[in-house]
Amino acid sequence: MLEARNIAFSFKRSQPLLRDVSLAVEPGTFTAILGQNGCGKSTLLSIMTAARTPEAGEVLLDGVPLAKVDRRERARKVALVSQHSHANRLTVFDSVLLGRRPFMDSAPTAEDRAIVAEVLDELGLADYALRYLDELSGGEYQIVVLARAFVQQTDTLLLDEPTNNLDPSNQQEVMRLVRSEVERRGIGAVAVMHDMNLALRHCDRFLFLKDGVVDAFGGAEIVTPGQIQRVYGMEADVIEHAGCKLVVPM
């Protein structure tokens, strides 16, 4: 399990961005990190991947400080879907195969290639295997990035704004695929989100950040008009539709 404990962080010569923030990524859960722009959502995720070092607190991976875990072992247990991925002249198959690098001693094995083929098939990408990444649409490319993370077969999946710049249909598809992976393999997933309705449709836990601290954490019951007003300064109604909560701005 990946766990952030009492994290504090600030950029040089600035006010603290995060103060005493904790989050445990438990198996079988899909957590949305919510809050206004600049509140530290993506920074928290980068700390949980050891891309940034906290000023206080620690991140533990299976009880061991993350900084003491070998990078290759870390990549076998935690996968990241970054906000800023860029297409290049690799084929879809070769790009997804890169997700198996933590398990490779030299050249890819037959097992590595079989895992990639299986994930491509599961995600509806089998017919795209030999296409180049720069020939794909934004939605297709984002699913390829997901596939690369899925073939790592990690216990934890971290996603930084995974639906950014996608149309509504592709937003739903990306989130559906992550939710399916959480349920199928029992992994823990965390996504930095802006769309509360998308989060309510696919996530089961919600962490609201405000002024550098965890303002609220829990299930869908904590997504209330009062919580939205406190975190976003926005009036909204929260209604039920087809068995799912919806946030309606006023």
C-alpha atoms as a PDB file:
ATOM      1  CA  MET A   1       0.000   0.000   0.000  1.00  0.00           C
ATOM      2  CA  LEU A   2       1.147   3.526  -0.808  1.00  0.00           C
ATOM      3  CA  GLU A   3       0.631   6.004   2.006  1.00  0.00           C
ATOM      4  CA  ALA A   4       1.421   9.693   2.454  1.00  0.00           C
ATOM      5  CA  ARG A   5       1.716  10.733   6.095  1.00  0.00           C
ATOM      6  CA  ASN A   6       1.590  14.315   7.373  1.00  0.00           C
ATOM      7  CA  ILE A   7       3.058  15.799   4.202  1.00  0.00           C
ATOM      8  CA  ALA A   8       4.242  19.411   4.175  1.00  0.00           C
ATOM      9  CA  PHE A   9       5.658  21.165   1.113  1.00  0.00           C
ATOM     10  CA  SER A  10       6.306  24.664  -0.187  1.00  0.00           C
ATOM     11  CA  PHE A  11       8.112  26.138  -3.162  1.00  0.00           C
ATOM     12  CA  LYS A  12      11.058  28.436  -2.460  1.00  0.00           C
ATOM     13  CA  ARG A  13      10.129  31.848  -1.061  1.00  0.00           C
ATOM     14  CA  SER A  14       6.420  31.041  -1.006  1.00  0.00           C
ATOM     15  CA  GLN A  15       3.727  30.214   1.476  1.00  0.00           C
ATOM     16  CA  PRO A  16       3.299  26.521   2.404  1.00  0.00           C
ATOM     17  CA  LEU A  17       1.403  24.704  -0.321  1.00  0.00           C
ATOM     18  CA  LEU A  18       0.687  21.532   1.667  1.00  0.00           C
ATOM     19  CA  ARG A  19       0.471  21.229   5.448  1.00  0.00           C
ATOM     20  CA  ASP A  20      -0.048  17.965   7.334  1.00  0.00           C
ATOM     21  CA  VAL A  21      -1.697  16.135   4.408  1.00  0.00           C
ATOM     22  CA  SER A  22      -2.224  12.373   4.679  1.00  0.00           C
ATOM     23  CA  LEU A  23      -3.659   9.864   2.201  1.00  0.00           C
ATOM     24  CA  ALA A  24      -3.577   6.061   2.111  1.00  0.00           C
ATOM     25  CA  VAL A  25      -4.210   4.384  -1.258  1.00  0.00           C
ATOM     26  CA  GLU A  26      -6.102   1.313  -0.157  1.00  0.00           C
ATOM     27  CA  PRO A  27      -6.655  -1.739  -2.410  1.00  0.00           C
ATOM     28  CA  GLY A  28      -9.949  -1.784  -4.290  1.00  0.00           C
ATOM     29  CA  THR A  29     -10.594   1.962  -3.949  1.00  0.00           C
ATOM     30  CA  PHE A  30     -10.651   4.801  -6.470  1.00  0.00           C
ATOM     31  CA  THR A  31      -9.991   8.187  -4.862  1.00  0.00           C
ATOM     32  CA  ALA A  32     -10.536  11.602  -6.461  1.00  0.00           C
ATOM     33  CA  ILE A  33      -8.388  14.505  -5.232  1.00  0.00           C
ATOM     34  CA  LEU A  34     -10.449  17.676  -5.601  1.00  0.00           C
ATOM     35  CA  GLY A  35      -9.884  21.376  -4.973  1.00  0.00           C
ATOM     36  CA  GLN A  36      -9.271  24.705  -6.643  1.00  0.00           C
ATOM     37  CA  ASN A  37      -6.459  25.287  -9.122  1.00  0.00           C
ATOM     38  CA  GLY A  38      -3.129  25.718  -7.374  1.00  0.00           C
ATOM     39  CA  CYS A  39      -4.172  24.040  -4.124  1.00  0.00           C
ATOM     40  CA  GLY A  40      -1.474  21.368  -4.369  1.00  0.00           C
ATOM     41  CA  LYS A  41      -3.313  18.411  -5.912  1.00  0.00           C
ATOM     42  CA  SER A  42      -0.697  17.580  -8.543  1.00  0.00           C
ATOM     43  CA  THR A  43       2.122  18.417  -6.141  1.00  0.00           C
ATOM     44  CA  LEU A  44       0.793  15.845  -3.670  1.00  0.00           C
ATOM     45  CA  LEU A  45       0.759  13.255  -6.452  1.00  0.00           C
ATOM     46  CA  SER A  46       4.344  14.109  -7.439  1.00  0.00           C
ATOM     47  CA  ILE A  47       5.443  13.665  -3.826  1.00  0.00           C
ATOM     48  CA  MET A  48       3.745  10.265  -3.772  1.00  0.00           C
ATOM     49  CA  THR A  49       5.895   9.219  -6.750  1.00  0.00           C
ATOM     50  CA  ALA A  50       9.117  10.620  -5.219  1.00  0.00           C
ATOM     51  CA  ALA A  51       9.351  13.224  -7.995  1.00  0.00           C
ATOM     52  CA  ARG A  52       9.343  15.851  -5.245  1.00  0.00           C
ATOM     53  CA  THR A  53      10.646  15.609  -1.695  1.00  0.00           C
ATOM     54  CA  PRO A  54       8.394  16.786   1.146  1.00  0.00           C
ATOM     55  CA  GLU A  55       9.698  19.229   3.727  1.00  0.00           C
ATOM     56  CA  ALA A  56       8.027  17.194   6.455  1.00  0.00           C
ATOM     57  CA  GLY A  57       6.190  13.905   6.649  1.00  0.00           C
ATOM     58  CA  GLU A  58       6.906  10.816   4.600  1.00  0.00           C
ATOM     59  CA  VAL A  59       5.588   8.528   1.900  1.00  0.00           C
ATOM     60  CA  LEU A  60       5.601   4.811   2.638  1.00  0.00           C
ATOM     61  CA  LEU A  61       5.376   1.943   0.158  1.00  0.00           C
ATOM     62  CA  ASP A  62       4.368  -1.264   1.930  1.00  0.00           C
ATOM     63  CA  GLY A  63       5.638   0.301   5.147  1.00  0.00           C
ATOM     64  CA  VAL A  64       9.056   1.291   3.754  1.00  0.00           C
ATOM     65  CA  PRO A  65       9.998   4.969   3.154  1.00  0.00           C
ATOM     66  CA  LEU A  66       9.600   5.542  -0.580  1.00  0.00           C
ATOM     67  CA  ALA A  67      13.042   7.151  -0.901  1.00  0.00           C
ATOM     68  CA  LYS A  68      14.620   3.906   0.299  1.00  0.00           C
ATOM     69  CA  VAL A  69      12.802   1.733  -2.260  1.00  0.00           C
ATOM     70  CA  ASP A  70      14.822   0.884  -5.375  1.00  0.00           C
ATOM     71  CA  ARG A  71      13.451   2.777  -8.401  1.00  0.00           C
ATOM     72  CA  ARG A  72      12.878  -0.417 -10.352  1.00  0.00           C
ATOM     73  CA  GLU A  73      10.991  -1.998  -7.461  1.00  0.00           C
ATOM     74  CA  ARG A  74       9.000   1.206  -7.080  1.00  0.00           C
ATOM     75  CA  ALA A  75       7.982   1.046 -10.740  1.00  0.00           C
ATOM     76  CA  ARG A  76       6.790  -2.523 -10.230  1.00  0.00           C
ATOM     77  CA  LYS A  77       4.393  -1.347  -7.544  1.00  0.00           C
ATOM     78  CA  VAL A  78       3.303   2.187  -8.506  1.00  0.00           C
ATOM     79  CA  ALA A  79       2.308   3.393 -11.987  1.00  0.00           C
ATOM     80  CA  LEU A  80       1.797   7.037 -12.922  1.00  0.00           C
ATOM     81  CA  VAL A  81      -0.332   8.468 -15.721  1.00  0.00           C
ATOM     82  CA  SER A  82       1.131  11.939 -16.129  1.00  0.00           C
ATOM     83  CA  GLN A  83      -0.739  15.095 -17.058  1.00  0.00           C
ATOM     84  CA  HIS A  84       1.873  16.019 -19.664  1.00  0.00           C
ATOM     85  CA  SER A  85       2.478  13.021 -21.905  1.00  0.00           C
ATOM     86  CA  HIS A  86       3.617  13.639 -25.460  1.00  0.00           C
ATOM     87  CA  ALA A  87       3.175  11.533 -28.569  1.00  0.00           C
ATOM     88  CA  ASN A  88       6.229  10.485 -30.562  1.00  0.00           C
ATOM     89  CA  ARG A  89       7.088   8.286 -33.507  1.00  0.00           C
ATOM     90  CA  LEU A  90       6.720   4.974 -31.650  1.00  0.00           C
ATOM     91  CA  THR A  91       4.026   2.509 -32.592  1.00  0.00           C
ATOM     92  CA  VAL A  92       1.206   1.897 -30.133  1.00  0.00           C
ATOM     93  CA  PHE A  93       2.552  -1.588 -29.365  1.00  0.00           C
ATOM     94  CA  ASP A  94       6.107  -0.385 -28.704  1.00  0.00           C
ATOM     95  CA  SER A  95       4.873   2.525 -26.604  1.00  0.00           C
ATOM     96  CA  VAL A  96       2.775   0.254 -24.388  1.00  0.00           C
ATOM     97  CA  LEU A  97       5.648  -2.244 -24.210  1.00  0.00           C
ATOM     98  CA  LEU A  98       7.687   0.459 -22.411  1.00  0.00           C
ATOM     99  CA  GLY A  99       5.436  -0.172 -19.435  1.00  0.00           C
ATOM    100  CA  ARG A 100       7.115  -3.561 -19.030  1.00  0.00           C
ATOM    101  CA  ARG A 101      10.620  -2.062 -18.606  1.00  0.00           C
ATOM    102  CA  PRO A 102      10.680  -2.538 -14.813  1.00  0.00           C
ATOM    103  CA  PHE A 103      10.439  -6.293 -15.442  1.00  0.00           C
ATOM    104  CA  MET A 104      12.971  -6.533 -18.273  1.00  0.00           C
ATOM    105  CA  ASP A 105      16.577  -7.563 -17.758  1.00  0.00           C
ATOM    106  CA  SER A 106      17.391  -7.101 -21.426  1.00  0.00           C
ATOM    107  CA  ALA A 107      15.119  -7.633 -24.431  1.00  0.00           C
ATOM    108  CA  PRO A 108      11.338  -8.059 -24.030  1.00  0.00           C
ATOM    109  CA  THR A 109      10.270 -11.645 -23.412  1.00  0.00           C
ATOM    110  CA  ALA A 110       7.402 -13.531 -24.975  1.00  0.00           C
ATOM    111  CA  GLU A 111       5.523 -12.978 -21.711  1.00  0.00           C
ATOM    112  CA  ASP A 112       6.036  -9.207 -21.926  1.00  0.00           C
ATOM    113  CA  ARG A 113       4.681  -9.151 -25.467  1.00  0.00           C
ATOM    114  CA  ALA A 114       1.745 -11.370 -24.517  1.00  0.00           C
ATOM    115  CA  ILE A 115       0.812  -9.047 -21.629  1.00  0.00           C
ATOM    116  CA  VAL A 116       0.901  -6.045 -23.963  1.00  0.00           C
ATOM    117  CA  ALA A 117      -1.238  -7.820 -26.573  1.00  0.00           C
ATOM    118  CA  GLU A 118      -3.765  -8.809 -23.914  1.00  0.00           C
ATOM    119  CA  VAL A 119      -4.102  -5.269 -22.543  1.00  0.00           C
ATOM    120  CA  LEU A 120      -4.395  -3.785 -26.037  1.00  0.00           C
ATOM    121  CA  ASP A 121      -7.192  -6.221 -26.756  1.00  0.00           C
ATOM    122  CA  GLU A 122      -8.971  -5.478 -23.458  1.00  0.00           C
ATOM    123  CA  LEU A 123      -8.831  -1.730 -24.099  1.00  0.00           C
ATOM    124  CA  GLY A 124      -9.960  -1.974 -27.713  1.00  0.00           C
ATOM    125  CA  LEU A 125      -6.564  -1.011 -29.113  1.00  0.00           C
ATOM    126  CA  ALA A 126      -5.599  -4.236 -30.881  1.00  0.00           C
ATOM    127  CA  ASP A 127      -6.328  -2.767 -34.328  1.00  0.00           C
ATOM    128  CA  TYR A 128      -4.104   0.230 -33.499  1.00  0.00           C
ATOM    129  CA  ALA A 129      -1.039  -1.799 -32.488  1.00  0.00           C
ATOM    130  CA  LEU A 130       1.060  -0.846 -35.513  1.00  0.00           C
ATOM    131  CA  ARG A 131      -0.127   2.748 -35.822  1.00  0.00           C
ATOM    132  CA  TYR A 132       2.157   5.565 -34.743  1.00  0.00           C
ATOM    133  CA  LEU A 133       1.268   7.598 -31.673  1.00  0.00           C
ATOM    134  CA  ASP A 134       1.297  10.897 -33.546  1.00  0.00           C
ATOM    135  CA  GLU A 135      -1.452   9.551 -35.812  1.00  0.00           C
ATOM    136  CA  LEU A 136      -3.900   9.099 -32.936  1.00  0.00           C
ATOM    137  CA  SER A 137      -6.626  11.374 -31.634  1.00  0.00           C
ATOM    138  CA  GLY A 138      -6.325  12.805 -28.137  1.00  0.00           C
ATOM    139  CA  GLY A 139      -8.750  10.247 -26.747  1.00  0.00           C
ATOM    140  CA  GLU A 140      -7.017   7.327 -28.437  1.00  0.00           C
ATOM    141  CA  TYR A 141      -3.647   8.516 -27.228  1.00  0.00           C
ATOM    142  CA  GLN A 142      -4.810   8.845 -23.627  1.00  0.00           C
ATOM    143  CA  ILE A 143      -6.062   5.256 -23.658  1.00  0.00           C
ATOM    144  CA  VAL A 144      -2.639   4.178 -24.939  1.00  0.00           C
ATOM    145  CA  VAL A 145      -1.067   5.979 -21.963  1.00  0.00           C
ATOM    146  CA  LEU A 146      -3.458   4.063 -19.694  1.00  0.00           C
ATOM    147  CA  ALA A 147      -2.511   0.797 -21.397  1.00  0.00           C
ATOM    148  CA  ARG A 148       1.169   1.506 -20.723  1.00  0.00           C
ATOM    149  CA  ALA A 149       0.344   1.906 -17.030  1.00  0.00           C
ATOM    150  CA  PHE A 150      -1.872  -1.186 -16.982  1.00  0.00           C
ATOM    151  CA  VAL A 151       0.861  -3.476 -18.354  1.00  0.00           C
ATOM    152  CA  GLN A 152       3.039  -2.532 -15.361  1.00  0.00           C
ATOM    153  CA  GLN A 153       0.531  -4.587 -13.333  1.00  0.00           C
ATOM    154  CA  THR A 154       1.138  -2.464 -10.245  1.00  0.00           C
ATOM    155  CA  ASP A 155      -0.884  -2.452  -7.034  1.00  0.00           C
ATOM    156  CA  THR A 156      -1.243   1.344  -7.163  1.00  0.00           C
ATOM    157  CA  LEU A 157      -2.213   3.628 -10.052  1.00  0.00           C
ATOM    158  CA  LEU A 158      -1.808   7.402  -9.818  1.00  0.00           C
ATOM    159  CA  LEU A 159      -3.393   9.667 -12.440  1.00  0.00           C
ATOM    160  CA  ASP A 160      -2.808  13.404 -12.834  1.00  0.00           C
ATOM    161  CA  GLU A 161      -5.831  14.939 -14.558  1.00  0.00           C
ATOM    162  CA  PRO A 162      -6.338  11.870 -16.804  1.00  0.00           C
ATOM    163  CA  THR A 163      -9.310  13.385 -18.667  1.00  0.00           C
ATOM    164  CA  ASN A 164      -7.759  16.783 -19.374  1.00  0.00           C
ATOM    165  CA  ASN A 165      -8.643  18.131 -22.870  1.00  0.00           C
ATOM    166  CA  LEU A 166     -10.798  15.106 -23.749  1.00  0.00           C
ATOM    167  CA  ASP A 167     -14.359  15.267 -25.062  1.00  0.00           C
ATOM    168  CA  PRO A 168     -17.141  14.017 -22.726  1.00  0.00           C
ATOM    169  CA  SER A 169     -17.307  10.580 -24.331  1.00  0.00           C
ATOM    170  CA  ASN A 170     -13.572   9.953 -23.992  1.00  0.00           C
ATOM    171  CA  GLN A 171     -13.600  11.346 -20.446  1.00  0.00           C
ATOM    172  CA  GLN A 172     -16.163   8.729 -19.480  1.00  0.00           C
ATOM    173  CA  GLU A 173     -14.262   5.971 -21.296  1.00  0.00           C
ATOM    174  CA  VAL A 174     -10.959   6.730 -19.583  1.00  0.00           C
ATOM    175  CA  MET A 175     -12.582   6.801 -16.152  1.00  0.00           C
ATOM    176  CA  ARG A 176     -14.572   3.651 -16.899  1.00  0.00           C
ATOM    177  CA  LEU A 177     -11.390   1.805 -17.843  1.00  0.00           C
ATOM    178  CA  VAL A 178      -9.662   2.844 -14.617  1.00  0.00           C
ATOM    179  CA  ARG A 179     -12.673   1.870 -12.521  1.00  0.00           C
ATOM    180  CA  SER A 180     -12.799  -1.502 -14.275  1.00  0.00           C
ATOM    181  CA  GLU A 181      -9.102  -2.105 -13.533  1.00  0.00           C
ATOM    182  CA  VAL A 182      -9.651  -1.224  -9.861  1.00  0.00           C
ATOM    183  CA  GLU A 183     -12.492  -3.718  -9.598  1.00  0.00           C
ATOM    184  CA  ARG A 184     -10.902  -6.457 -11.737  1.00  0.00           C
ATOM    185  CA  ARG A 185      -7.500  -6.500 -10.035  1.00  0.00           C
ATOM    186  CA  GLY A 186      -8.332  -4.980  -6.669  1.00  0.00           C
ATOM    187  CA  ILE A 187      -5.752  -2.220  -7.066  1.00  0.00           C
ATOM    188  CA  GLY A 188      -5.836   1.226  -5.466  1.00  0.00           C
ATOM    189  CA  ALA A 189      -6.172   4.253  -7.762  1.00  0.00           C
ATOM    190  CA  VAL A 190      -5.974   8.000  -7.157  1.00  0.00           C
ATOM    191  CA  ALA A 191      -6.848  10.678  -9.713  1.00  0.00           C
ATOM    192  CA  VAL A 192      -6.423  14.440  -9.559  1.00  0.00           C
ATOM    193  CA  MET A 193      -9.743  15.729 -10.892  1.00  0.00           C
ATOM    194  CA  HIS A 194     -11.562  18.960 -11.718  1.00  0.00           C
ATOM    195  CA  ASP A 195     -14.919  17.553 -12.830  1.00  0.00           C
ATOM    196  CA  MET A 196     -16.851  16.605  -9.693  1.00  0.00           C
ATOM    197  CA  ASN A 197     -19.605  14.868 -11.663  1.00  0.00           C
ATOM    198  CA  LEU A 198     -17.081  12.692 -13.456  1.00  0.00           C
ATOM    199  CA  ALA A 199     -15.518  11.870 -10.098  1.00  0.00           C
ATOM    200  CA  LEU A 200     -18.906  11.057  -8.536  1.00  0.00           C
ATOM    201  CA  ARG A 201     -19.736   8.747 -11.440  1.00  0.00           C
ATOM    202  CA  HIS A 202     -16.584   6.618 -11.150  1.00  0.00           C
ATOM    203  CA  CYS A 203     -14.809   7.188  -7.812  1.00  0.00           C
ATOM    204  CA  ASP A 204     -15.794   5.948  -4.360  1.00  0.00           C
ATOM    205  CA  ARG A 205     -13.606   8.171  -2.168  1.00  0.00           C
ATOM    206  CA  PHE A 206     -13.077  11.915  -2.260  1.00  0.00           C
ATOM    207  CA  LEU A 207     -10.332  14.093  -0.784  1.00  0.00           C
ATOM    208  CA  PHE A 208     -10.880  17.860  -0.806  1.00  0.00           C
ATOM    209  CA  LEU A 209      -7.799  20.084  -0.436  1.00  0.00           C
ATOM    210  CA  LYS A 210      -8.128  23.685   0.716  1.00  0.00           C
ATOM    211  CA  ASP A 211      -5.532  26.108   2.031  1.00  0.00           C
ATOM    212  CA  GLY A 212      -2.898  23.369   2.131  1.00  0.00           C
ATOM    213  CA  VAL A 213      -4.819  20.905   4.293  1.00  0.00           C
ATOM    214  CA  VAL A 214      -7.329  18.101   3.862  1.00  0.00           C
ATOM    215  CA  ASP A 215     -10.651  19.887   4.231  1.00  0.00           C
ATOM    216  CA  ALA A 216     -12.697  16.680   3.961  1.00  0.00           C
ATOM    217  CA  PHE A 217     -12.199  13.014   3.110  1.00  0.00           C
ATOM    218  CA  GLY A 218     -14.726  10.239   2.701  1.00  0.00           C
ATOM    219  CA  GLY A 219     -17.354   8.691   0.443  1.00  0.00           C
ATOM    220  CA  ALA A 220     -19.891  10.415  -1.779  1.00  0.00           C
ATOM    221  CA  GLU A 221     -21.805  11.540   1.319  1.00  0.00           C
ATOM    222  CA  ILE A 222     -19.240  14.318   1.897  1.00  0.00           C
ATOM    223  CA  VAL A 223     -19.949  15.928  -1.499  1.00  0.00           C
ATOM    224  CA  THR A 224     -22.551  18.421  -0.308  1.00  0.00           C
ATOM    225  CA  PRO A 225     -23.547  21.994  -1.191  1.00  0.00           C
ATOM    226  CA  GLY A 226     -21.800  23.183   1.973  1.00  0.00           C
ATOM    227  CA  GLN A 227     -18.577  21.368   1.097  1.00  0.00           C
ATOM    228  CA  ILE A 228     -18.585  22.759  -2.437  1.00  0.00           C
ATOM    229  CA  GLN A 229     -19.215  26.288  -1.135  1.00  0.00           C
ATOM    230  CA  ARG A 230     -16.390  25.986   1.401  1.00  0.00           C
ATOM    231  CA  VAL A 231     -13.789  24.624  -1.033  1.00  0.00           C
ATOM    232  CA  TYR A 232     -14.720  26.361  -4.282  1.00  0.00           C
ATOM    233  CA  GLY A 233     -16.673  29.407  -3.060  1.00  0.00           C
ATOM    234  CA  MET A 234     -19.447  28.343  -5.427  1.00  0.00           C
ATOM    235  CA  GLU A 235     -23.121  27.798  -4.804  1.00  0.00           C
ATOM    236  CA  ALA A 236     -24.344  24.449  -6.076  1.00  0.00           C
ATOM    237  CA  ASP A 237     -27.108  21.944  -5.553  1.00  0.00           C
ATOM    238  CA  VAL A 238     -26.369  18.224  -5.214  1.00  0.00           C
ATOM    239  CA  ILE A 239     -29.105  15.983  -6.602  1.00  0.00           C
ATOM    240  CA  GLU A 240     -29.671  12.289  -7.234  1.00  0.00           C
ATOM    241  CA  HIS A 241     -30.144  11.082 -10.793  1.00  0.00           C
ATOM    242  CA  ALA A 242     -30.250   7.449 -11.928  1.00  0.00           C
ATOM    243  CA  GLY A 243     -28.715   6.364  -8.638  1.00  0.00           C
ATOM    244  CA  CYS A 244     -25.770   8.786  -8.844  1.00  0.00           C
ATOM    245  CA  LYS A 245     -25.109  12.156  -7.264  1.00  0.00           C
ATOM    246  CA  LEU A 246     -24.819  15.159  -9.553  1.00  0.00           C
ATOM    247  CA  VAL A 247     -23.472  18.620  -8.787  1.00  0.00           C
ATOM    248  CA  VAL A 248     -25.544  21.406 -10.375  1.00  0.00           C
ATOM    249  CA  PRO A 249     -23.979  24.892 -10.170  1.00  0.00           C
ATOM    250  CA  MET A 250     -26.438  27.583  -9.146  1.00  0.00           C
END
